[in-house]
N, C-alpha and C. Protein backbone atom coordinates (compact mmCIF):
# COMPACT_ATOMS: atom_id res chain seq x y z
N UNK A 1 10.68 -13.01 -25.86
CA UNK A 1 10.09 -14.10 -25.09
C UNK A 1 9.61 -13.57 -23.75
N UNK A 2 8.43 -13.91 -23.36
CA UNK A 2 7.84 -13.44 -22.12
C UNK A 2 8.39 -14.24 -20.95
N UNK A 3 8.55 -13.54 -19.83
CA UNK A 3 8.98 -14.20 -18.60
C UNK A 3 7.83 -14.21 -17.61
N UNK A 4 8.04 -14.91 -16.52
CA UNK A 4 7.01 -14.97 -15.48
C UNK A 4 6.77 -13.60 -14.89
N UNK A 5 7.84 -12.79 -14.72
CA UNK A 5 7.71 -11.46 -14.16
C UNK A 5 7.21 -10.43 -15.17
N UNK A 6 7.39 -10.74 -16.44
CA UNK A 6 7.01 -9.82 -17.51
C UNK A 6 6.28 -10.59 -18.61
N UNK A 7 5.09 -11.09 -18.28
CA UNK A 7 4.37 -11.95 -19.24
C UNK A 7 3.76 -11.15 -20.39
N UNK A 8 3.46 -11.87 -21.45
CA UNK A 8 2.74 -11.30 -22.58
C UNK A 8 1.25 -11.38 -22.25
N UNK A 9 0.61 -10.22 -22.15
CA UNK A 9 -0.81 -10.19 -21.80
C UNK A 9 -1.70 -10.00 -23.02
N UNK A 10 -1.11 -10.00 -24.20
CA UNK A 10 -1.90 -9.77 -25.40
C UNK A 10 -2.13 -11.04 -26.21
N UNK A 11 -1.54 -12.14 -25.81
CA UNK A 11 -1.67 -13.38 -26.56
C UNK A 11 -3.02 -14.04 -26.38
N UNK A 12 -3.20 -15.15 -27.05
CA UNK A 12 -4.47 -15.87 -27.00
C UNK A 12 -4.75 -16.48 -25.63
N UNK A 13 -3.70 -16.64 -24.83
CA UNK A 13 -3.89 -17.21 -23.49
C UNK A 13 -3.87 -16.14 -22.40
N UNK A 14 -4.20 -14.89 -22.76
CA UNK A 14 -4.17 -13.78 -21.81
C UNK A 14 -5.10 -14.03 -20.63
N UNK A 15 -6.26 -14.65 -20.87
CA UNK A 15 -7.18 -14.90 -19.76
C UNK A 15 -6.57 -15.88 -18.76
N UNK A 16 -5.85 -16.87 -19.25
CA UNK A 16 -5.19 -17.83 -18.37
C UNK A 16 -4.04 -17.17 -17.60
N UNK A 17 -3.30 -16.32 -18.28
CA UNK A 17 -2.19 -15.61 -17.64
C UNK A 17 -2.72 -14.68 -16.55
N UNK A 18 -3.78 -13.94 -16.84
CA UNK A 18 -4.34 -13.04 -15.83
C UNK A 18 -4.94 -13.82 -14.65
N UNK A 19 -5.51 -14.98 -14.90
CA UNK A 19 -6.02 -15.81 -13.80
C UNK A 19 -4.86 -16.26 -12.91
N UNK A 20 -3.73 -16.61 -13.53
CA UNK A 20 -2.54 -16.99 -12.75
C UNK A 20 -2.03 -15.80 -11.96
N UNK A 21 -2.03 -14.63 -12.58
CA UNK A 21 -1.58 -13.42 -11.89
C UNK A 21 -2.47 -13.11 -10.69
N UNK A 22 -3.77 -13.33 -10.87
CA UNK A 22 -4.69 -13.13 -9.75
C UNK A 22 -4.31 -14.08 -8.60
N UNK A 23 -4.10 -15.34 -8.92
CA UNK A 23 -3.73 -16.32 -7.90
C UNK A 23 -2.44 -15.94 -7.19
N UNK A 24 -1.50 -15.39 -7.93
CA UNK A 24 -0.19 -15.05 -7.38
C UNK A 24 -0.18 -13.73 -6.60
N UNK A 25 -0.98 -12.76 -7.02
CA UNK A 25 -0.82 -11.41 -6.48
C UNK A 25 -2.02 -10.85 -5.72
N UNK A 26 -3.18 -11.45 -5.83
CA UNK A 26 -4.37 -10.88 -5.20
C UNK A 26 -4.23 -10.79 -3.68
N UNK A 27 -3.70 -11.81 -3.06
CA UNK A 27 -3.57 -11.81 -1.59
C UNK A 27 -2.63 -10.69 -1.13
N UNK A 28 -1.49 -10.53 -1.78
CA UNK A 28 -0.56 -9.46 -1.42
C UNK A 28 -1.15 -8.07 -1.66
N UNK A 29 -1.83 -7.91 -2.79
CA UNK A 29 -2.51 -6.64 -3.06
C UNK A 29 -3.56 -6.35 -2.00
N UNK A 30 -4.31 -7.37 -1.63
CA UNK A 30 -5.34 -7.18 -0.62
C UNK A 30 -4.73 -6.77 0.72
N UNK A 31 -3.65 -7.43 1.11
CA UNK A 31 -2.98 -7.07 2.38
C UNK A 31 -2.55 -5.61 2.34
N UNK A 32 -1.92 -5.21 1.25
CA UNK A 32 -1.45 -3.84 1.11
C UNK A 32 -2.63 -2.85 1.18
N UNK A 33 -3.67 -3.12 0.43
CA UNK A 33 -4.81 -2.21 0.40
C UNK A 33 -5.58 -2.19 1.72
N UNK A 34 -5.73 -3.36 2.35
CA UNK A 34 -6.47 -3.43 3.62
C UNK A 34 -5.74 -2.69 4.73
N UNK A 35 -4.43 -2.64 4.65
CA UNK A 35 -3.67 -1.90 5.66
C UNK A 35 -3.86 -0.40 5.47
N UNK A 36 -4.11 0.02 4.26
CA UNK A 36 -4.28 1.43 3.98
C UNK A 36 -5.73 1.87 4.09
N UNK A 37 -6.66 0.96 3.87
CA UNK A 37 -8.08 1.30 3.92
C UNK A 37 -8.76 0.38 4.91
N UNK A 38 -9.69 -0.38 4.45
CA UNK A 38 -10.37 -1.38 5.26
C UNK A 38 -10.55 -2.62 4.41
N UNK A 39 -10.77 -3.78 5.03
CA UNK A 39 -10.85 -5.02 4.25
C UNK A 39 -11.93 -5.02 3.17
N UNK A 40 -13.08 -4.46 3.45
CA UNK A 40 -14.15 -4.47 2.45
C UNK A 40 -13.78 -3.62 1.23
N UNK A 41 -13.23 -2.45 1.48
CA UNK A 41 -12.80 -1.60 0.37
C UNK A 41 -11.64 -2.25 -0.37
N UNK A 42 -10.75 -2.90 0.38
CA UNK A 42 -9.63 -3.61 -0.25
C UNK A 42 -10.15 -4.70 -1.17
N UNK A 43 -11.19 -5.43 -0.74
CA UNK A 43 -11.80 -6.44 -1.61
C UNK A 43 -12.23 -5.81 -2.94
N UNK A 44 -12.93 -4.69 -2.83
CA UNK A 44 -13.41 -4.01 -4.03
C UNK A 44 -12.25 -3.55 -4.91
N UNK A 45 -11.23 -2.97 -4.29
CA UNK A 45 -10.12 -2.44 -5.06
C UNK A 45 -9.27 -3.54 -5.70
N UNK A 46 -9.15 -4.69 -5.06
CA UNK A 46 -8.44 -5.81 -5.69
C UNK A 46 -9.20 -6.24 -6.94
N UNK A 47 -10.51 -6.36 -6.81
CA UNK A 47 -11.33 -6.71 -7.97
C UNK A 47 -11.20 -5.67 -9.07
N UNK A 48 -11.26 -4.40 -8.68
CA UNK A 48 -11.13 -3.32 -9.66
C UNK A 48 -9.75 -3.33 -10.31
N UNK A 49 -8.73 -3.65 -9.53
CA UNK A 49 -7.36 -3.72 -10.07
C UNK A 49 -7.28 -4.74 -11.19
N UNK A 50 -7.82 -5.93 -10.94
CA UNK A 50 -7.73 -6.97 -11.96
C UNK A 50 -8.69 -6.70 -13.13
N UNK A 51 -9.79 -6.04 -12.87
CA UNK A 51 -10.68 -5.64 -13.96
C UNK A 51 -9.96 -4.65 -14.88
N UNK A 52 -9.32 -3.65 -14.28
CA UNK A 52 -8.57 -2.69 -15.08
C UNK A 52 -7.39 -3.35 -15.78
N UNK A 53 -6.74 -4.27 -15.09
CA UNK A 53 -5.62 -4.99 -15.72
C UNK A 53 -6.12 -5.72 -16.97
N UNK A 54 -7.27 -6.36 -16.86
CA UNK A 54 -7.85 -7.06 -18.01
C UNK A 54 -8.18 -6.07 -19.12
N UNK A 55 -8.85 -4.97 -18.75
CA UNK A 55 -9.25 -4.00 -19.76
C UNK A 55 -8.06 -3.31 -20.41
N UNK A 56 -6.98 -3.14 -19.66
CA UNK A 56 -5.81 -2.42 -20.17
C UNK A 56 -4.63 -3.35 -20.49
N UNK A 57 -4.90 -4.63 -20.62
CA UNK A 57 -3.82 -5.61 -20.83
C UNK A 57 -2.99 -5.29 -22.07
N UNK A 58 -3.60 -4.68 -23.08
CA UNK A 58 -2.84 -4.34 -24.28
C UNK A 58 -1.93 -3.13 -24.06
N UNK A 59 -2.13 -2.41 -22.94
CA UNK A 59 -1.29 -1.25 -22.63
C UNK A 59 -0.12 -1.61 -21.72
N UNK A 60 -0.11 -2.85 -21.20
CA UNK A 60 1.00 -3.28 -20.36
C UNK A 60 2.26 -3.40 -21.21
N UNK A 61 3.34 -2.78 -20.75
CA UNK A 61 4.62 -2.81 -21.46
C UNK A 61 5.64 -3.56 -20.61
N UNK A 62 5.87 -4.84 -20.91
CA UNK A 62 6.79 -5.65 -20.10
C UNK A 62 8.19 -5.06 -19.98
N UNK A 63 8.63 -4.32 -20.97
CA UNK A 63 9.96 -3.74 -20.91
C UNK A 63 10.05 -2.58 -19.91
N UNK A 64 8.92 -2.02 -19.53
CA UNK A 64 8.90 -0.89 -18.59
C UNK A 64 8.75 -1.30 -17.15
N UNK A 65 8.03 -2.41 -16.88
CA UNK A 65 7.75 -2.78 -15.49
C UNK A 65 7.44 -4.26 -15.39
N UNK A 66 7.76 -4.82 -14.21
CA UNK A 66 7.32 -6.18 -13.95
C UNK A 66 5.81 -6.15 -13.79
N UNK A 67 5.18 -7.27 -13.98
CA UNK A 67 3.73 -7.32 -13.85
C UNK A 67 3.31 -7.02 -12.41
N UNK A 68 4.11 -7.44 -11.44
CA UNK A 68 3.82 -7.12 -10.03
C UNK A 68 3.79 -5.62 -9.81
N UNK A 69 4.81 -4.92 -10.31
CA UNK A 69 4.85 -3.47 -10.16
C UNK A 69 3.68 -2.81 -10.89
N UNK A 70 3.34 -3.31 -12.08
CA UNK A 70 2.22 -2.78 -12.84
C UNK A 70 0.92 -2.92 -12.06
N UNK A 71 0.69 -4.09 -11.46
CA UNK A 71 -0.53 -4.32 -10.68
C UNK A 71 -0.58 -3.41 -9.46
N UNK A 72 0.54 -3.26 -8.75
CA UNK A 72 0.57 -2.36 -7.60
C UNK A 72 0.38 -0.91 -8.03
N UNK A 73 0.85 -0.57 -9.21
CA UNK A 73 0.62 0.78 -9.74
C UNK A 73 -0.86 1.03 -9.99
N UNK A 74 -1.52 0.06 -10.58
CA UNK A 74 -2.97 0.18 -10.81
C UNK A 74 -3.69 0.31 -9.46
N UNK A 75 -3.34 -0.56 -8.52
CA UNK A 75 -3.99 -0.53 -7.20
C UNK A 75 -3.74 0.80 -6.50
N UNK A 76 -2.53 1.32 -6.60
CA UNK A 76 -2.22 2.59 -5.94
C UNK A 76 -2.98 3.73 -6.59
N UNK A 77 -3.12 3.71 -7.90
CA UNK A 77 -3.91 4.75 -8.56
C UNK A 77 -5.37 4.68 -8.13
N UNK A 78 -5.91 3.48 -8.00
CA UNK A 78 -7.28 3.35 -7.50
C UNK A 78 -7.37 3.84 -6.05
N UNK A 79 -6.36 3.53 -5.30
CA UNK A 79 -6.33 3.96 -3.90
C UNK A 79 -6.32 5.48 -3.77
N UNK A 80 -5.66 6.13 -4.69
CA UNK A 80 -5.60 7.60 -4.64
C UNK A 80 -7.00 8.22 -4.71
N UNK A 81 -7.91 7.51 -5.36
CA UNK A 81 -9.29 8.02 -5.41
C UNK A 81 -9.91 8.05 -4.02
N UNK A 82 -9.34 7.25 -3.15
CA UNK A 82 -9.84 7.18 -1.78
C UNK A 82 -8.97 7.98 -0.81
N UNK A 83 -8.15 8.89 -1.33
CA UNK A 83 -7.17 9.59 -0.51
C UNK A 83 -7.81 10.37 0.63
N UNK A 84 -8.88 11.06 0.35
CA UNK A 84 -9.51 11.85 1.42
C UNK A 84 -9.98 10.97 2.56
N UNK A 85 -10.66 9.90 2.21
CA UNK A 85 -11.15 9.02 3.27
C UNK A 85 -10.00 8.31 3.98
N UNK A 86 -8.91 8.05 3.26
CA UNK A 86 -7.75 7.44 3.90
C UNK A 86 -7.18 8.37 4.97
N UNK A 87 -7.01 9.63 4.63
CA UNK A 87 -6.47 10.58 5.60
C UNK A 87 -7.43 10.73 6.78
N UNK A 88 -8.72 10.83 6.49
CA UNK A 88 -9.69 10.92 7.58
C UNK A 88 -9.63 9.66 8.45
N UNK A 89 -9.48 8.49 7.80
CA UNK A 89 -9.39 7.24 8.55
C UNK A 89 -8.16 7.19 9.43
N UNK A 90 -7.01 7.64 8.92
CA UNK A 90 -5.79 7.66 9.73
C UNK A 90 -5.94 8.59 10.92
N UNK A 91 -6.55 9.73 10.70
CA UNK A 91 -6.77 10.68 11.81
C UNK A 91 -7.75 10.11 12.82
N UNK A 92 -8.80 9.46 12.35
CA UNK A 92 -9.77 8.85 13.27
C UNK A 92 -9.12 7.71 14.05
N UNK A 93 -8.31 6.92 13.37
CA UNK A 93 -7.61 5.84 14.06
C UNK A 93 -6.70 6.41 15.13
N UNK A 94 -6.01 7.48 14.78
CA UNK A 94 -5.11 8.09 15.75
C UNK A 94 -5.87 8.56 16.98
N UNK A 95 -7.09 9.07 16.80
CA UNK A 95 -7.90 9.53 17.93
C UNK A 95 -8.50 8.36 18.71
N UNK A 96 -8.92 7.32 17.97
CA UNK A 96 -9.70 6.26 18.59
C UNK A 96 -8.90 5.10 19.15
N UNK A 97 -7.62 4.98 18.76
CA UNK A 97 -6.81 3.87 19.27
C UNK A 97 -6.82 3.92 20.80
N UNK A 98 -7.03 2.80 21.37
CA UNK A 98 -6.98 2.71 22.82
C UNK A 98 -8.30 2.94 23.52
N UNK A 99 -9.32 3.35 22.77
CA UNK A 99 -10.63 3.56 23.39
C UNK A 99 -11.39 2.26 23.58
N UNK A 100 -11.02 1.23 22.81
CA UNK A 100 -11.72 -0.06 22.91
C UNK A 100 -11.41 -0.71 24.25
N UNK A 101 -12.35 -1.48 24.73
CA UNK A 101 -12.18 -2.21 25.99
C UNK A 101 -11.17 -3.32 25.77
N UNK A 102 -10.11 -3.32 26.57
CA UNK A 102 -9.07 -4.33 26.40
C UNK A 102 -9.35 -5.56 27.22
N UNK A 103 -10.42 -5.58 28.00
CA UNK A 103 -10.77 -6.77 28.77
C UNK A 103 -9.90 -6.92 29.99
N UNK A 104 -10.07 -8.04 30.64
CA UNK A 104 -9.31 -8.31 31.84
C UNK A 104 -7.99 -8.95 31.49
N UNK A 105 -6.99 -8.72 32.29
CA UNK A 105 -5.69 -9.30 32.06
C UNK A 105 -4.72 -8.77 33.09
N UNK A 106 -3.50 -9.17 32.94
CA UNK A 106 -2.49 -8.73 33.89
C UNK A 106 -2.13 -7.29 33.64
N UNK A 107 -1.49 -6.69 34.62
CA UNK A 107 -1.06 -5.31 34.47
C UNK A 107 -0.07 -5.16 33.31
N UNK A 108 0.79 -6.17 33.14
CA UNK A 108 1.78 -6.10 32.07
C UNK A 108 1.10 -6.07 30.70
N UNK A 109 0.07 -6.86 30.53
CA UNK A 109 -0.65 -6.88 29.26
C UNK A 109 -1.33 -5.54 29.04
N UNK A 110 -1.93 -4.99 30.07
CA UNK A 110 -2.60 -3.70 29.96
C UNK A 110 -1.61 -2.60 29.61
N UNK A 111 -0.46 -2.60 30.25
CA UNK A 111 0.56 -1.60 29.96
C UNK A 111 1.06 -1.75 28.53
N UNK A 112 1.29 -2.98 28.11
CA UNK A 112 1.77 -3.25 26.76
C UNK A 112 0.76 -2.77 25.73
N UNK A 113 -0.52 -3.06 25.96
CA UNK A 113 -1.55 -2.62 25.01
C UNK A 113 -1.68 -1.11 25.00
N UNK A 114 -1.57 -0.49 26.15
CA UNK A 114 -1.67 0.97 26.22
C UNK A 114 -0.51 1.60 25.46
N UNK A 115 0.70 1.05 25.63
CA UNK A 115 1.87 1.57 24.94
C UNK A 115 1.72 1.39 23.43
N UNK A 116 1.24 0.23 23.01
CA UNK A 116 1.03 -0.02 21.58
C UNK A 116 -0.03 0.94 21.03
N UNK A 117 -1.05 1.22 21.81
CA UNK A 117 -2.09 2.15 21.37
C UNK A 117 -1.53 3.54 21.17
N UNK A 118 -0.68 3.97 22.08
CA UNK A 118 -0.07 5.30 21.98
C UNK A 118 0.80 5.36 20.74
N UNK A 119 1.61 4.32 20.50
CA UNK A 119 2.49 4.30 19.33
C UNK A 119 1.68 4.27 18.03
N UNK A 120 0.61 3.48 18.00
CA UNK A 120 -0.23 3.41 16.80
C UNK A 120 -0.89 4.75 16.53
N UNK A 121 -1.33 5.44 17.58
CA UNK A 121 -1.95 6.75 17.42
C UNK A 121 -0.93 7.73 16.84
N UNK A 122 0.29 7.72 17.36
CA UNK A 122 1.33 8.61 16.85
C UNK A 122 1.65 8.31 15.39
N UNK A 123 1.77 7.02 15.08
CA UNK A 123 2.09 6.62 13.71
C UNK A 123 0.96 7.01 12.75
N UNK A 124 -0.28 6.77 13.15
CA UNK A 124 -1.42 7.14 12.31
C UNK A 124 -1.45 8.62 12.02
N UNK A 125 -1.19 9.43 13.04
CA UNK A 125 -1.16 10.88 12.87
C UNK A 125 -0.03 11.28 11.94
N UNK A 126 1.14 10.68 12.14
CA UNK A 126 2.30 11.01 11.31
C UNK A 126 2.05 10.62 9.85
N UNK A 127 1.47 9.45 9.61
CA UNK A 127 1.17 9.02 8.24
C UNK A 127 0.17 9.96 7.58
N UNK A 128 -0.82 10.39 8.33
CA UNK A 128 -1.84 11.28 7.78
C UNK A 128 -1.26 12.63 7.37
N UNK A 129 -0.18 13.03 8.01
CA UNK A 129 0.43 14.33 7.71
C UNK A 129 1.36 14.29 6.50
N UNK A 130 1.74 13.11 6.05
CA UNK A 130 2.61 13.01 4.88
C UNK A 130 1.87 13.44 3.62
N UNK A 131 2.63 13.95 2.65
CA UNK A 131 2.05 14.21 1.35
C UNK A 131 1.65 12.88 0.73
N UNK A 132 0.60 12.85 -0.06
CA UNK A 132 0.09 11.62 -0.68
C UNK A 132 1.19 10.87 -1.42
N UNK A 133 2.01 11.58 -2.17
CA UNK A 133 3.06 10.95 -2.96
C UNK A 133 4.08 10.25 -2.06
N UNK A 134 4.42 10.89 -0.95
CA UNK A 134 5.38 10.30 -0.01
C UNK A 134 4.76 9.10 0.70
N UNK A 135 3.50 9.21 1.08
CA UNK A 135 2.81 8.12 1.77
C UNK A 135 2.71 6.90 0.84
N UNK A 136 2.40 7.13 -0.44
CA UNK A 136 2.31 6.02 -1.39
C UNK A 136 3.64 5.28 -1.49
N UNK A 137 4.73 6.01 -1.66
CA UNK A 137 6.05 5.39 -1.78
C UNK A 137 6.40 4.63 -0.51
N UNK A 138 6.24 5.27 0.63
CA UNK A 138 6.58 4.64 1.91
C UNK A 138 5.79 3.36 2.14
N UNK A 139 4.50 3.40 1.90
CA UNK A 139 3.66 2.24 2.18
C UNK A 139 3.82 1.14 1.14
N UNK A 140 4.16 1.49 -0.09
CA UNK A 140 4.46 0.44 -1.07
C UNK A 140 5.73 -0.31 -0.66
N UNK A 141 6.68 0.38 -0.06
CA UNK A 141 7.90 -0.27 0.42
C UNK A 141 7.63 -1.02 1.72
N UNK A 142 7.01 -0.33 2.68
CA UNK A 142 6.85 -0.91 4.02
C UNK A 142 5.75 -1.96 4.11
N UNK A 143 4.62 -1.72 3.49
CA UNK A 143 3.49 -2.63 3.65
C UNK A 143 3.34 -3.63 2.51
N UNK A 144 3.69 -3.20 1.30
CA UNK A 144 3.55 -4.12 0.16
C UNK A 144 4.85 -4.87 -0.10
N UNK A 145 5.95 -4.41 0.47
CA UNK A 145 7.22 -5.10 0.31
C UNK A 145 7.86 -4.90 -1.04
N UNK A 146 7.48 -3.86 -1.76
CA UNK A 146 8.10 -3.59 -3.06
C UNK A 146 9.47 -2.96 -2.85
N UNK A 147 10.38 -3.27 -3.75
CA UNK A 147 11.70 -2.64 -3.77
C UNK A 147 11.52 -1.25 -4.37
N UNK A 148 12.41 -0.31 -4.03
CA UNK A 148 12.29 1.03 -4.63
C UNK A 148 12.23 1.00 -6.16
N UNK A 149 12.97 0.09 -6.80
CA UNK A 149 12.90 0.00 -8.26
C UNK A 149 11.51 -0.43 -8.72
N UNK A 150 10.86 -1.31 -7.95
CA UNK A 150 9.50 -1.73 -8.30
C UNK A 150 8.50 -0.59 -8.06
N UNK A 151 8.74 0.20 -7.01
CA UNK A 151 7.88 1.36 -6.76
C UNK A 151 7.98 2.33 -7.93
N UNK A 152 9.19 2.55 -8.42
CA UNK A 152 9.39 3.44 -9.57
C UNK A 152 8.60 2.93 -10.76
N UNK A 153 8.64 1.62 -10.99
CA UNK A 153 7.88 1.04 -12.10
C UNK A 153 6.38 1.16 -11.85
N UNK A 154 5.96 0.88 -10.61
CA UNK A 154 4.53 0.90 -10.28
C UNK A 154 3.93 2.29 -10.45
N UNK A 155 4.67 3.30 -10.04
CA UNK A 155 4.13 4.66 -10.09
C UNK A 155 4.59 5.43 -11.31
N UNK A 156 5.38 4.76 -12.17
CA UNK A 156 5.89 5.37 -13.39
C UNK A 156 6.63 6.68 -13.09
N UNK A 157 7.55 6.59 -12.13
CA UNK A 157 8.39 7.73 -11.77
C UNK A 157 9.84 7.27 -11.75
N UNK A 158 10.73 8.22 -11.74
CA UNK A 158 12.16 7.95 -11.73
C UNK A 158 12.59 7.34 -10.38
N UNK A 159 13.58 6.47 -10.42
CA UNK A 159 14.09 5.85 -9.20
C UNK A 159 14.62 6.86 -8.20
N UNK A 160 15.24 7.92 -8.68
CA UNK A 160 15.72 8.98 -7.79
C UNK A 160 14.57 9.67 -7.07
N UNK A 161 13.46 9.83 -7.76
CA UNK A 161 12.27 10.43 -7.15
C UNK A 161 11.74 9.53 -6.04
N UNK A 162 11.74 8.23 -6.29
CA UNK A 162 11.31 7.28 -5.26
C UNK A 162 12.20 7.41 -4.03
N UNK A 163 13.51 7.41 -4.26
CA UNK A 163 14.44 7.48 -3.13
C UNK A 163 14.28 8.78 -2.35
N UNK A 164 14.08 9.90 -3.04
CA UNK A 164 13.93 11.17 -2.33
C UNK A 164 12.60 11.23 -1.58
N UNK A 165 11.52 10.71 -2.19
CA UNK A 165 10.24 10.69 -1.48
C UNK A 165 10.30 9.77 -0.27
N UNK A 166 10.95 8.63 -0.43
CA UNK A 166 11.10 7.69 0.68
C UNK A 166 11.92 8.33 1.80
N UNK A 167 12.98 9.01 1.44
CA UNK A 167 13.81 9.68 2.44
C UNK A 167 13.01 10.77 3.17
N UNK A 168 12.27 11.59 2.41
CA UNK A 168 11.47 12.65 3.03
C UNK A 168 10.40 12.06 3.94
N UNK A 169 9.76 10.98 3.51
CA UNK A 169 8.71 10.36 4.33
C UNK A 169 9.30 9.80 5.62
N UNK A 170 10.40 9.10 5.51
CA UNK A 170 11.04 8.53 6.71
C UNK A 170 11.50 9.64 7.64
N UNK A 171 12.08 10.70 7.09
CA UNK A 171 12.54 11.82 7.92
C UNK A 171 11.37 12.49 8.63
N UNK A 172 10.28 12.69 7.89
CA UNK A 172 9.10 13.32 8.49
C UNK A 172 8.54 12.45 9.61
N UNK A 173 8.50 11.14 9.40
CA UNK A 173 8.01 10.24 10.45
C UNK A 173 8.93 10.29 11.66
N UNK A 174 10.24 10.23 11.43
CA UNK A 174 11.19 10.31 12.55
C UNK A 174 11.02 11.62 13.30
N UNK A 175 10.91 12.72 12.57
CA UNK A 175 10.74 14.04 13.21
C UNK A 175 9.45 14.08 14.02
N UNK A 176 8.36 13.60 13.42
CA UNK A 176 7.07 13.64 14.11
C UNK A 176 7.07 12.74 15.34
N UNK A 177 7.58 11.54 15.18
CA UNK A 177 7.57 10.60 16.30
C UNK A 177 8.58 11.01 17.36
N UNK A 178 9.68 11.60 16.95
CA UNK A 178 10.67 12.08 17.93
C UNK A 178 10.18 13.30 18.69
N UNK A 179 9.44 14.17 18.02
CA UNK A 179 8.91 15.39 18.66
C UNK A 179 7.85 15.06 19.69
N UNK A 180 7.19 13.91 19.55
CA UNK A 180 6.10 13.54 20.45
C UNK A 180 6.59 12.88 21.72
N UNK A 181 7.89 12.62 21.80
CA UNK A 181 8.43 11.92 22.98
C UNK A 181 8.56 12.82 24.15
């Protein structure tokens, strides 16, 4: 029997089920992708994710992964095609943060924005230096809100691998951000 988290996508009502999945998951997928890329590309990738989900619906194995994890796995695989531009974007963001005109305001607001700009630049640089596999795991947990078990399902890797990649990514970020102080 199919559950809400592990629906049957091969039945006669697959189009209705996928439409419901779109309603339930498109916004979260878009948020995750837009944080990693840009909103316009995220729009395209969300559409591509559901197109691939439709085309590959007979390959979905409910016993292996929740549908949420499966969709994030598809989205992450599509995102990997954009890996080079993502790294370039993170490096550019790290360079460009704080160059925008912050307008008029109090000194406290200016100091707060300057501090946030410095932190964002450091974080962008640190994220760009991570290995792709570590960045995927970290951002699926931090930005998409997936549990490590869901990340394992999404990326079709062992839970121990997720935990070790997450640990390495967090350690690398701590080391990078701590070294910059």
